N, C-alpha and C. Protein backbone atom coordinates (compact mmCIF):
# COMPACT_ATOMS: atom_id res chain seq x y z
N MET A 1 0.84 -1.18 0.00
CA MET A 1 0.00 0.00 0.00
C MET A 1 0.89 1.24 0.00
N LEU A 2 0.68 2.12 -0.97
CA LEU A 2 1.46 3.33 -1.10
C LEU A 2 0.90 4.41 -0.19
N LYS A 3 1.73 4.92 0.69
CA LYS A 3 1.31 5.97 1.61
C LYS A 3 1.75 7.31 1.06
N ASP A 4 1.10 8.38 1.50
CA ASP A 4 1.55 9.70 1.07
C ASP A 4 2.88 10.01 1.77
N GLU A 5 3.61 10.94 1.21
CA GLU A 5 4.96 11.23 1.69
C GLU A 5 4.99 11.66 3.15
N ARG A 6 4.04 12.47 3.56
CA ARG A 6 4.02 12.94 4.96
C ARG A 6 3.87 11.76 5.92
N THR A 7 3.01 10.82 5.57
CA THR A 7 2.82 9.63 6.41
C THR A 7 4.11 8.81 6.45
N LEU A 8 4.79 8.71 5.32
CA LEU A 8 6.06 7.98 5.27
C LEU A 8 7.10 8.65 6.16
N ILE A 9 7.13 9.99 6.15
CA ILE A 9 8.10 10.71 6.99
C ILE A 9 7.80 10.49 8.47
N ILE A 10 6.54 10.54 8.81
CA ILE A 10 6.15 10.28 10.22
C ILE A 10 6.58 8.87 10.62
N GLY A 11 6.32 7.90 9.74
CA GLY A 11 6.74 6.53 10.02
C GLY A 11 8.25 6.42 10.15
N LEU A 12 8.96 7.11 9.28
CA LEU A 12 10.42 7.11 9.34
C LEU A 12 10.90 7.67 10.67
N ARG A 13 10.29 8.75 11.12
CA ARG A 13 10.70 9.36 12.39
C ARG A 13 10.58 8.38 13.55
N PHE A 14 9.63 7.45 13.45
CA PHE A 14 9.44 6.47 14.51
C PHE A 14 10.19 5.16 14.24
N GLY A 15 11.08 5.18 13.22
CA GLY A 15 11.95 4.04 12.99
C GLY A 15 11.41 2.97 12.05
N SER A 16 10.38 3.28 11.29
CA SER A 16 9.82 2.29 10.37
C SER A 16 10.75 2.07 9.17
N GLU A 17 11.28 0.86 9.09
CA GLU A 17 12.14 0.52 7.95
C GLU A 17 11.33 0.47 6.67
N GLU A 18 10.08 0.09 6.77
CA GLU A 18 9.19 0.04 5.59
C GLU A 18 9.00 1.45 5.02
N CYS A 19 8.78 2.42 5.86
CA CYS A 19 8.63 3.81 5.40
C CYS A 19 9.94 4.34 4.82
N TYR A 20 11.05 3.99 5.48
CA TYR A 20 12.36 4.41 4.98
C TYR A 20 12.60 3.85 3.58
N LYS A 21 12.29 2.55 3.40
CA LYS A 21 12.48 1.92 2.10
C LYS A 21 11.56 2.54 1.05
N ALA A 22 10.35 2.88 1.43
CA ALA A 22 9.42 3.51 0.49
C ALA A 22 9.94 4.88 0.05
N LEU A 23 10.47 5.66 1.00
CA LEU A 23 11.05 6.97 0.66
C LEU A 23 12.30 6.79 -0.21
N TYR A 24 13.08 5.79 0.13
CA TYR A 24 14.28 5.49 -0.65
C TYR A 24 13.88 5.16 -2.10
N ASP A 25 12.93 4.27 -2.26
CA ASP A 25 12.47 3.88 -3.60
C ASP A 25 11.89 5.06 -4.36
N LEU A 26 11.20 5.93 -3.65
CA LEU A 26 10.57 7.09 -4.27
C LEU A 26 11.60 8.11 -4.78
N TRP A 27 12.68 8.30 -4.03
CA TRP A 27 13.61 9.38 -4.35
C TRP A 27 14.97 8.94 -4.90
N PHE A 28 15.31 7.67 -4.81
CA PHE A 28 16.64 7.21 -5.20
C PHE A 28 17.02 7.64 -6.62
N SER A 29 16.18 7.32 -7.58
CA SER A 29 16.50 7.58 -8.99
C SER A 29 16.75 9.06 -9.27
N ARG A 30 15.89 9.90 -8.76
CA ARG A 30 16.04 11.35 -9.00
C ARG A 30 17.30 11.90 -8.33
N LEU A 31 17.56 11.43 -7.12
CA LEU A 31 18.76 11.89 -6.40
C LEU A 31 20.02 11.39 -7.11
N TYR A 32 19.99 10.16 -7.56
CA TYR A 32 21.13 9.58 -8.26
C TYR A 32 21.46 10.40 -9.52
N GLN A 33 20.46 10.71 -10.31
CA GLN A 33 20.67 11.49 -11.53
C GLN A 33 21.19 12.89 -11.23
N PHE A 34 20.68 13.49 -10.16
CA PHE A 34 21.13 14.82 -9.75
C PHE A 34 22.63 14.81 -9.44
N VAL A 35 23.07 13.84 -8.64
CA VAL A 35 24.48 13.77 -8.23
C VAL A 35 25.36 13.40 -9.42
N LEU A 36 24.94 12.41 -10.20
CA LEU A 36 25.73 11.95 -11.35
C LEU A 36 25.98 13.08 -12.35
N ARG A 37 25.03 13.96 -12.50
CA ARG A 37 25.18 15.09 -13.42
C ARG A 37 26.41 15.94 -13.07
N TYR A 38 26.75 16.00 -11.80
CA TYR A 38 27.87 16.83 -11.37
C TYR A 38 29.19 16.07 -11.24
N VAL A 39 29.16 14.86 -10.73
CA VAL A 39 30.43 14.16 -10.48
C VAL A 39 30.88 13.28 -11.63
N LYS A 40 29.97 12.90 -12.53
CA LYS A 40 30.29 12.11 -13.72
C LYS A 40 30.98 10.78 -13.39
N SER A 41 30.73 10.27 -12.21
CA SER A 41 31.32 9.00 -11.79
C SER A 41 30.26 8.20 -11.06
N GLU A 42 29.99 6.99 -11.57
CA GLU A 42 28.97 6.17 -10.93
C GLU A 42 29.37 5.74 -9.53
N SER A 43 30.64 5.40 -9.33
CA SER A 43 31.07 4.95 -8.00
C SER A 43 30.98 6.09 -6.98
N VAL A 44 31.37 7.29 -7.36
CA VAL A 44 31.27 8.44 -6.45
C VAL A 44 29.80 8.77 -6.20
N THR A 45 28.99 8.69 -7.24
CA THR A 45 27.56 8.94 -7.09
C THR A 45 26.94 7.94 -6.12
N ASP A 46 27.31 6.66 -6.28
CA ASP A 46 26.80 5.63 -5.36
C ASP A 46 27.13 5.99 -3.91
N ASP A 47 28.38 6.41 -3.68
CA ASP A 47 28.81 6.76 -2.32
C ASP A 47 28.01 7.94 -1.77
N ILE A 48 27.83 8.97 -2.57
CA ILE A 48 27.13 10.17 -2.10
C ILE A 48 25.66 9.86 -1.80
N VAL A 49 25.03 9.11 -2.70
CA VAL A 49 23.61 8.77 -2.48
C VAL A 49 23.48 7.88 -1.24
N GLN A 50 24.38 6.92 -1.09
CA GLN A 50 24.34 6.04 0.09
C GLN A 50 24.56 6.86 1.36
N ASP A 51 25.54 7.75 1.36
CA ASP A 51 25.80 8.59 2.54
C ASP A 51 24.59 9.48 2.86
N THR A 52 23.93 9.97 1.82
CA THR A 52 22.76 10.83 2.02
C THR A 52 21.64 10.05 2.72
N PHE A 53 21.33 8.87 2.19
CA PHE A 53 20.26 8.09 2.79
C PHE A 53 20.64 7.56 4.18
N LEU A 54 21.91 7.29 4.38
CA LEU A 54 22.37 6.88 5.71
C LEU A 54 22.15 8.02 6.71
N LYS A 55 22.48 9.23 6.30
CA LYS A 55 22.29 10.38 7.18
C LYS A 55 20.80 10.58 7.48
N ILE A 56 19.95 10.36 6.48
CA ILE A 56 18.51 10.46 6.69
C ILE A 56 18.09 9.47 7.79
N TRP A 57 18.59 8.24 7.70
CA TRP A 57 18.22 7.22 8.68
C TRP A 57 18.76 7.57 10.07
N VAL A 58 20.01 7.97 10.14
CA VAL A 58 20.63 8.28 11.43
C VAL A 58 19.93 9.45 12.13
N HIS A 59 19.51 10.45 11.36
CA HIS A 59 18.88 11.64 11.94
C HIS A 59 17.35 11.64 11.74
N ARG A 60 16.79 10.47 11.58
CA ARG A 60 15.36 10.35 11.27
C ARG A 60 14.46 11.00 12.33
N GLU A 61 14.84 10.91 13.58
CA GLU A 61 13.99 11.43 14.65
C GLU A 61 13.87 12.95 14.63
N SER A 62 14.83 13.63 13.99
CA SER A 62 14.80 15.10 13.97
C SER A 62 14.19 15.66 12.68
N ILE A 63 13.72 14.79 11.80
CA ILE A 63 13.12 15.26 10.54
C ILE A 63 11.77 15.91 10.85
N ASP A 64 11.56 17.08 10.30
CA ASP A 64 10.30 17.81 10.45
C ASP A 64 9.32 17.30 9.40
N ASP A 65 8.23 16.68 9.85
CA ASP A 65 7.29 16.11 8.89
C ASP A 65 6.49 17.16 8.14
N GLY A 66 6.62 18.42 8.53
CA GLY A 66 5.92 19.50 7.84
C GLY A 66 6.76 20.12 6.72
N MET A 67 8.02 19.76 6.66
CA MET A 67 8.89 20.35 5.64
C MET A 67 8.89 19.49 4.38
N SER A 68 9.48 20.03 3.34
CA SER A 68 9.61 19.30 2.08
C SER A 68 10.73 18.27 2.21
N PHE A 69 10.38 17.00 2.08
CA PHE A 69 11.38 15.95 2.17
C PHE A 69 12.38 16.08 1.02
N LYS A 70 11.89 16.44 -0.15
CA LYS A 70 12.75 16.61 -1.31
C LYS A 70 13.84 17.64 -1.01
N SER A 71 13.46 18.78 -0.45
CA SER A 71 14.44 19.82 -0.13
C SER A 71 15.45 19.32 0.90
N TYR A 72 14.97 18.62 1.90
CA TYR A 72 15.84 18.08 2.95
C TYR A 72 16.83 17.08 2.35
N LEU A 73 16.32 16.16 1.55
CA LEU A 73 17.14 15.13 0.93
C LEU A 73 18.20 15.72 0.00
N PHE A 74 17.77 16.63 -0.88
CA PHE A 74 18.70 17.20 -1.85
C PHE A 74 19.69 18.16 -1.20
N THR A 75 19.32 18.79 -0.10
CA THR A 75 20.26 19.65 0.62
C THR A 75 21.38 18.81 1.23
N ILE A 76 21.02 17.68 1.82
CA ILE A 76 22.05 16.79 2.38
C ILE A 76 22.98 16.30 1.26
N ALA A 77 22.38 15.85 0.15
CA ALA A 77 23.18 15.37 -0.97
C ALA A 77 24.07 16.48 -1.52
N TYR A 78 23.54 17.68 -1.59
CA TYR A 78 24.30 18.83 -2.09
C TYR A 78 25.56 19.06 -1.25
N HIS A 79 25.42 18.96 0.07
CA HIS A 79 26.57 19.17 0.95
C HIS A 79 27.62 18.06 0.76
N PHE A 80 27.17 16.81 0.62
CA PHE A 80 28.12 15.73 0.32
C PHE A 80 28.78 15.95 -1.04
N LEU A 81 28.01 16.42 -2.00
CA LEU A 81 28.50 16.68 -3.35
C LEU A 81 29.57 17.77 -3.34
N ILE A 82 29.31 18.86 -2.66
CA ILE A 82 30.28 19.95 -2.55
C ILE A 82 31.56 19.46 -1.87
N LYS A 83 31.40 18.69 -0.81
CA LYS A 83 32.57 18.14 -0.11
C LYS A 83 33.40 17.27 -1.05
N GLU A 84 32.75 16.43 -1.85
CA GLU A 84 33.46 15.56 -2.79
C GLU A 84 34.15 16.38 -3.88
N LEU A 85 33.47 17.37 -4.43
CA LEU A 85 34.07 18.19 -5.48
C LEU A 85 35.29 18.96 -4.95
N ARG A 86 35.20 19.44 -3.73
CA ARG A 86 36.36 20.11 -3.11
C ARG A 86 37.51 19.13 -2.93
N ARG A 87 37.18 17.91 -2.49
CA ARG A 87 38.21 16.89 -2.31
C ARG A 87 38.89 16.59 -3.64
N GLN A 88 38.10 16.44 -4.70
CA GLN A 88 38.67 16.14 -6.02
C GLN A 88 39.55 17.28 -6.51
N LEU A 89 39.13 18.50 -6.28
CA LEU A 89 39.91 19.64 -6.75
C LEU A 89 41.23 19.79 -6.00
N ASN A 90 41.29 19.25 -4.81
CA ASN A 90 42.51 19.38 -4.01
C ASN A 90 43.45 18.19 -4.13
N THR A 91 43.18 17.27 -5.05
CA THR A 91 44.08 16.13 -5.20
C THR A 91 45.09 16.42 -6.30
N PRO A 92 46.31 15.90 -6.16
CA PRO A 92 47.30 16.09 -7.22
C PRO A 92 46.83 15.50 -8.55
N LEU A 93 46.06 14.40 -8.50
CA LEU A 93 45.57 13.82 -9.76
C LEU A 93 44.68 14.80 -10.50
N MET A 94 43.85 15.55 -9.78
CA MET A 94 42.99 16.53 -10.43
C MET A 94 43.84 17.64 -11.03
N GLU A 95 44.86 18.06 -10.31
CA GLU A 95 45.74 19.10 -10.84
C GLU A 95 46.42 18.63 -12.12
N GLU A 96 46.91 17.38 -12.12
CA GLU A 96 47.54 16.84 -13.31
C GLU A 96 46.53 16.71 -14.45
N TYR A 97 45.34 16.26 -14.11
CA TYR A 97 44.29 16.10 -15.12
C TYR A 97 43.94 17.45 -15.76
N VAL A 98 43.76 18.48 -14.93
CA VAL A 98 43.42 19.80 -15.45
C VAL A 98 44.55 20.34 -16.33
N ALA A 99 45.79 20.17 -15.88
CA ALA A 99 46.94 20.63 -16.67
C ALA A 99 47.01 19.86 -17.99
N PHE A 100 46.77 18.58 -17.92
CA PHE A 100 46.79 17.74 -19.12
C PHE A 100 45.69 18.17 -20.10
N CYS A 101 44.48 18.39 -19.59
CA CYS A 101 43.36 18.83 -20.44
C CYS A 101 43.67 20.18 -21.08
N SER A 102 44.29 21.04 -20.32
CA SER A 102 44.65 22.35 -20.85
C SER A 102 45.64 22.21 -22.00
N GLU A 103 46.65 21.34 -21.82
CA GLU A 103 47.64 21.12 -22.87
C GLU A 103 46.99 20.52 -24.11
N LEU A 104 46.08 19.58 -23.91
CA LEU A 104 45.39 18.98 -25.06
C LEU A 104 44.55 19.99 -25.81
N SER A 105 43.86 20.84 -25.06
CA SER A 105 42.98 21.80 -25.72
C SER A 105 43.77 22.84 -26.50
N THR A 106 44.96 23.17 -26.03
CA THR A 106 45.76 24.15 -26.76
C THR A 106 46.48 23.52 -27.95
N SER A 107 46.61 22.16 -27.93
CA SER A 107 47.26 21.50 -29.05
C SER A 107 46.29 21.15 -30.17
N GLY A 108 44.99 21.42 -29.96
CA GLY A 108 44.00 21.15 -30.99
C GLY A 108 43.61 19.69 -31.06
N ASN A 109 43.95 18.90 -30.08
CA ASN A 109 43.65 17.47 -30.09
C ASN A 109 42.22 17.24 -29.63
N GLU A 110 41.44 16.46 -30.39
CA GLU A 110 40.04 16.22 -30.04
C GLU A 110 39.85 15.16 -28.97
N LEU A 111 40.92 14.52 -28.52
CA LEU A 111 40.78 13.49 -27.49
C LEU A 111 40.15 14.05 -26.21
N ILE A 112 40.30 15.34 -26.01
CA ILE A 112 39.77 15.96 -24.79
C ILE A 112 38.29 15.70 -24.63
N ASP A 113 37.55 15.62 -25.71
CA ASP A 113 36.11 15.39 -25.64
C ASP A 113 35.77 14.01 -25.10
N ASN A 114 36.68 13.05 -25.27
CA ASN A 114 36.40 11.68 -24.86
C ASN A 114 37.04 11.32 -23.52
N LEU A 115 37.66 12.27 -22.89
CA LEU A 115 38.42 11.99 -21.68
C LEU A 115 37.68 12.51 -20.46
N ASN A 116 37.62 11.73 -19.40
CA ASN A 116 37.12 12.24 -18.14
C ASN A 116 38.01 11.73 -17.02
N LEU A 117 37.86 12.29 -15.85
CA LEU A 117 38.74 11.97 -14.74
C LEU A 117 38.66 10.50 -14.36
N GLU A 118 37.47 9.93 -14.41
CA GLU A 118 37.33 8.53 -14.03
C GLU A 118 38.12 7.62 -14.97
N GLN A 119 38.07 7.87 -16.27
CA GLN A 119 38.84 7.08 -17.23
C GLN A 119 40.33 7.25 -16.97
N PHE A 120 40.74 8.47 -16.70
CA PHE A 120 42.13 8.76 -16.40
C PHE A 120 42.60 7.95 -15.19
N GLN A 121 41.84 7.98 -14.13
CA GLN A 121 42.22 7.26 -12.91
C GLN A 121 42.18 5.75 -13.13
N ASP A 122 41.19 5.25 -13.87
CA ASP A 122 41.12 3.81 -14.14
C ASP A 122 42.34 3.33 -14.91
N SER A 123 42.74 4.07 -15.92
CA SER A 123 43.92 3.69 -16.72
C SER A 123 45.18 3.69 -15.87
N LEU A 124 45.32 4.70 -15.05
CA LEU A 124 46.48 4.79 -14.17
C LEU A 124 46.48 3.64 -13.16
N ASN A 125 45.33 3.35 -12.58
CA ASN A 125 45.25 2.26 -11.60
C ASN A 125 45.57 0.91 -12.22
N ARG A 126 45.10 0.68 -13.44
CA ARG A 126 45.42 -0.58 -14.13
C ARG A 126 46.92 -0.67 -14.37
N ALA A 127 47.54 0.41 -14.73
CA ALA A 127 48.98 0.42 -14.98
C ALA A 127 49.76 0.21 -13.68
N LYS A 128 49.28 0.77 -12.58
CA LYS A 128 50.00 0.66 -11.30
C LYS A 128 49.99 -0.77 -10.76
N ILE A 129 49.07 -1.61 -11.23
CA ILE A 129 49.03 -3.01 -10.78
C ILE A 129 50.31 -3.74 -11.18
N LYS A 130 50.93 -3.29 -12.26
CA LYS A 130 52.16 -3.92 -12.75
C LYS A 130 53.37 -3.60 -11.89
N LEU A 131 53.25 -2.64 -10.99
CA LEU A 131 54.38 -2.25 -10.13
C LEU A 131 54.50 -3.20 -8.95
N SER A 132 55.72 -3.31 -8.42
CA SER A 132 55.90 -4.06 -7.18
C SER A 132 55.26 -3.24 -6.06
N PRO A 133 54.95 -3.87 -4.94
CA PRO A 133 54.33 -3.10 -3.84
C PRO A 133 55.19 -1.89 -3.42
N ARG A 134 56.51 -2.07 -3.37
CA ARG A 134 57.38 -0.97 -2.96
C ARG A 134 57.39 0.14 -4.01
N GLN A 135 57.47 -0.23 -5.29
CA GLN A 135 57.45 0.77 -6.37
C GLN A 135 56.15 1.55 -6.33
N ARG A 136 55.06 0.85 -6.15
CA ARG A 136 53.75 1.50 -6.13
C ARG A 136 53.67 2.49 -4.96
N LYS A 137 54.12 2.05 -3.79
CA LYS A 137 54.06 2.90 -2.60
C LYS A 137 54.90 4.17 -2.82
N ILE A 138 56.10 4.00 -3.34
CA ILE A 138 56.99 5.15 -3.58
C ILE A 138 56.40 6.07 -4.63
N PHE A 139 55.88 5.49 -5.72
CA PHE A 139 55.25 6.30 -6.77
C PHE A 139 54.10 7.12 -6.20
N GLU A 140 53.22 6.47 -5.43
CA GLU A 140 52.06 7.16 -4.88
C GLU A 140 52.46 8.26 -3.90
N LEU A 141 53.45 7.97 -3.07
CA LEU A 141 53.90 9.00 -2.13
C LEU A 141 54.48 10.20 -2.88
N ASN A 142 55.24 9.94 -3.93
CA ASN A 142 55.91 11.02 -4.66
C ASN A 142 54.95 11.77 -5.58
N LYS A 143 54.21 11.06 -6.40
CA LYS A 143 53.41 11.69 -7.45
C LYS A 143 51.99 12.04 -7.03
N GLU A 144 51.45 11.32 -6.06
CA GLU A 144 50.07 11.57 -5.67
C GLU A 144 49.95 12.30 -4.34
N GLU A 145 50.98 12.16 -3.50
CA GLU A 145 50.96 12.86 -2.22
C GLU A 145 52.02 13.95 -2.15
N ASN A 146 52.73 14.16 -3.25
CA ASN A 146 53.73 15.23 -3.39
C ASN A 146 54.84 15.19 -2.34
N MET A 147 55.24 14.00 -1.94
CA MET A 147 56.35 13.89 -0.99
C MET A 147 57.67 13.89 -1.76
N SER A 148 58.67 14.50 -1.18
CA SER A 148 60.00 14.54 -1.80
C SER A 148 60.69 13.20 -1.59
N VAL A 149 61.78 13.00 -2.34
CA VAL A 149 62.57 11.78 -2.22
C VAL A 149 63.08 11.61 -0.79
N SER A 150 63.56 12.68 -0.19
CA SER A 150 64.08 12.57 1.18
C SER A 150 62.96 12.27 2.19
N GLU A 151 61.78 12.85 1.99
CA GLU A 151 60.65 12.57 2.89
C GLU A 151 60.24 11.10 2.79
N ILE A 152 60.23 10.58 1.58
CA ILE A 152 59.86 9.17 1.37
C ILE A 152 60.90 8.27 2.02
N ALA A 153 62.18 8.58 1.80
CA ALA A 153 63.25 7.77 2.39
C ALA A 153 63.13 7.73 3.91
N SER A 154 62.87 8.87 4.50
CA SER A 154 62.71 8.94 5.95
C SER A 154 61.48 8.15 6.41
N ARG A 155 60.39 8.31 5.72
CA ARG A 155 59.14 7.64 6.10
C ARG A 155 59.25 6.12 5.98
N LEU A 156 59.92 5.65 4.92
CA LEU A 156 60.01 4.20 4.68
C LEU A 156 61.29 3.58 5.24
N SER A 157 62.12 4.41 5.87
CA SER A 157 63.39 3.95 6.46
C SER A 157 64.28 3.26 5.42
N ILE A 158 64.44 3.93 4.28
CA ILE A 158 65.32 3.45 3.22
C ILE A 158 66.16 4.63 2.74
N THR A 159 67.17 4.35 1.92
CA THR A 159 68.04 5.44 1.45
C THR A 159 67.36 6.20 0.31
N GLU A 160 67.81 7.42 0.12
CA GLU A 160 67.28 8.24 -0.96
C GLU A 160 67.58 7.61 -2.32
N GLN A 161 68.73 6.95 -2.44
CA GLN A 161 69.07 6.30 -3.71
C GLN A 161 68.10 5.16 -4.03
N VAL A 162 67.69 4.43 -3.02
CA VAL A 162 66.70 3.36 -3.23
C VAL A 162 65.38 3.97 -3.70
N VAL A 163 64.99 5.07 -3.11
CA VAL A 163 63.77 5.75 -3.53
C VAL A 163 63.87 6.17 -4.99
N ARG A 164 65.00 6.79 -5.36
CA ARG A 164 65.19 7.23 -6.76
C ARG A 164 65.14 6.05 -7.72
N ASN A 165 65.84 4.96 -7.35
CA ASN A 165 65.88 3.77 -8.21
C ASN A 165 64.48 3.17 -8.38
N GLN A 166 63.76 3.05 -7.28
CA GLN A 166 62.42 2.47 -7.34
C GLN A 166 61.46 3.36 -8.12
N LEU A 167 61.58 4.66 -7.93
CA LEU A 167 60.72 5.61 -8.65
C LEU A 167 61.03 5.56 -10.15
N SER A 168 62.28 5.50 -10.49
CA SER A 168 62.69 5.42 -11.89
C SER A 168 62.15 4.13 -12.54
N ALA A 169 62.27 3.02 -11.82
CA ALA A 169 61.76 1.74 -12.34
C ALA A 169 60.24 1.79 -12.49
N ALA A 170 59.57 2.39 -11.53
CA ALA A 170 58.11 2.51 -11.59
C ALA A 170 57.68 3.32 -12.80
N LEU A 171 58.35 4.43 -13.03
CA LEU A 171 58.01 5.29 -14.18
C LEU A 171 58.27 4.58 -15.50
N LYS A 172 59.33 3.79 -15.54
CA LYS A 172 59.63 3.04 -16.77
C LYS A 172 58.49 2.05 -17.06
N ILE A 173 58.03 1.35 -16.04
CA ILE A 173 56.93 0.39 -16.21
C ILE A 173 55.64 1.11 -16.60
N LEU A 174 55.37 2.22 -15.93
CA LEU A 174 54.14 2.95 -16.24
C LEU A 174 54.15 3.51 -17.66
N ARG A 175 55.30 4.00 -18.09
CA ARG A 175 55.39 4.50 -19.47
C ARG A 175 55.10 3.39 -20.47
N LYS A 176 55.65 2.21 -20.20
CA LYS A 176 55.42 1.07 -21.10
C LYS A 176 53.94 0.66 -21.08
N GLU A 177 53.36 0.57 -19.89
CA GLU A 177 51.96 0.15 -19.76
C GLU A 177 50.99 1.18 -20.34
N LEU A 178 51.36 2.44 -20.29
CA LEU A 178 50.47 3.50 -20.76
C LEU A 178 50.73 3.88 -22.21
N GLN A 179 51.64 3.16 -22.86
CA GLN A 179 51.96 3.45 -24.27
C GLN A 179 50.71 3.41 -25.16
N PRO A 180 49.74 2.50 -24.95
CA PRO A 180 48.52 2.53 -25.78
C PRO A 180 47.67 3.78 -25.54
N TYR A 181 48.00 4.52 -24.49
CA TYR A 181 47.26 5.73 -24.15
C TYR A 181 48.20 6.92 -24.35
N PRO A 182 48.34 7.40 -25.57
CA PRO A 182 49.33 8.46 -25.81
C PRO A 182 49.07 9.71 -24.98
N PHE A 183 47.80 9.99 -24.67
CA PHE A 183 47.50 11.17 -23.87
C PHE A 183 47.99 11.02 -22.44
N LEU A 184 47.97 9.80 -21.89
CA LEU A 184 48.51 9.57 -20.55
C LEU A 184 50.04 9.51 -20.57
N LEU A 185 50.57 8.95 -21.65
CA LEU A 185 52.02 8.89 -21.78
C LEU A 185 52.64 10.28 -21.75
N LEU A 186 51.97 11.22 -22.39
CA LEU A 186 52.41 12.62 -22.38
C LEU A 186 52.56 13.12 -20.94
N LEU A 187 51.59 12.77 -20.12
CA LEU A 187 51.57 13.21 -18.74
C LEU A 187 52.78 12.68 -17.99
N PHE A 188 53.09 11.40 -18.20
CA PHE A 188 54.17 10.79 -17.44
C PHE A 188 55.56 11.11 -17.99
N LEU A 189 55.65 11.57 -19.20
CA LEU A 189 56.95 12.01 -19.71
C LEU A 189 57.46 13.22 -18.95
N SER A 190 56.53 13.98 -18.39
CA SER A 190 56.93 15.18 -17.65
C SER A 190 57.17 14.90 -16.16
N LEU A 191 56.94 13.68 -15.73
CA LEU A 191 57.11 13.37 -14.31
C LEU A 191 58.57 13.27 -13.92
């Protein structure tokens, strides 16, 4: 039996899982499309939508049944969305991606239209699987966390020369693995 939204909210406030599921079913698709439009990543969208509905459940007792549930739901999602976009903008991968896109657009290459951050990260992650655990750790500390060779050596209790050797070997492997992706290869030639 389909209940009106206000009745579902009242039920939710009293802990009804049935009402929660009905509200979830009613709003999931629209919320998912809203978030996906901005983040362009299904996995990130899944996380944001899940976090939004989790927050609804956790704070169910404080929901005002007289307010617009849609506004409440989308406001929570909006805050998670803004937090995620800020996180993405502050990562070295995003900085590299933006610089790379800028270089492509000035070179007149049409590949930019087919490229998105998720594809970029997927290709890089597939290539990093070929690295040894130590090479991968050193590469990530240096290129993704912006740590210097000396900082890495200190953190991992190894010599700076070992860090340089491992980083050089990692870059050689990544260049080979990313050769089918000339746009990514360009990025790593400058590393």
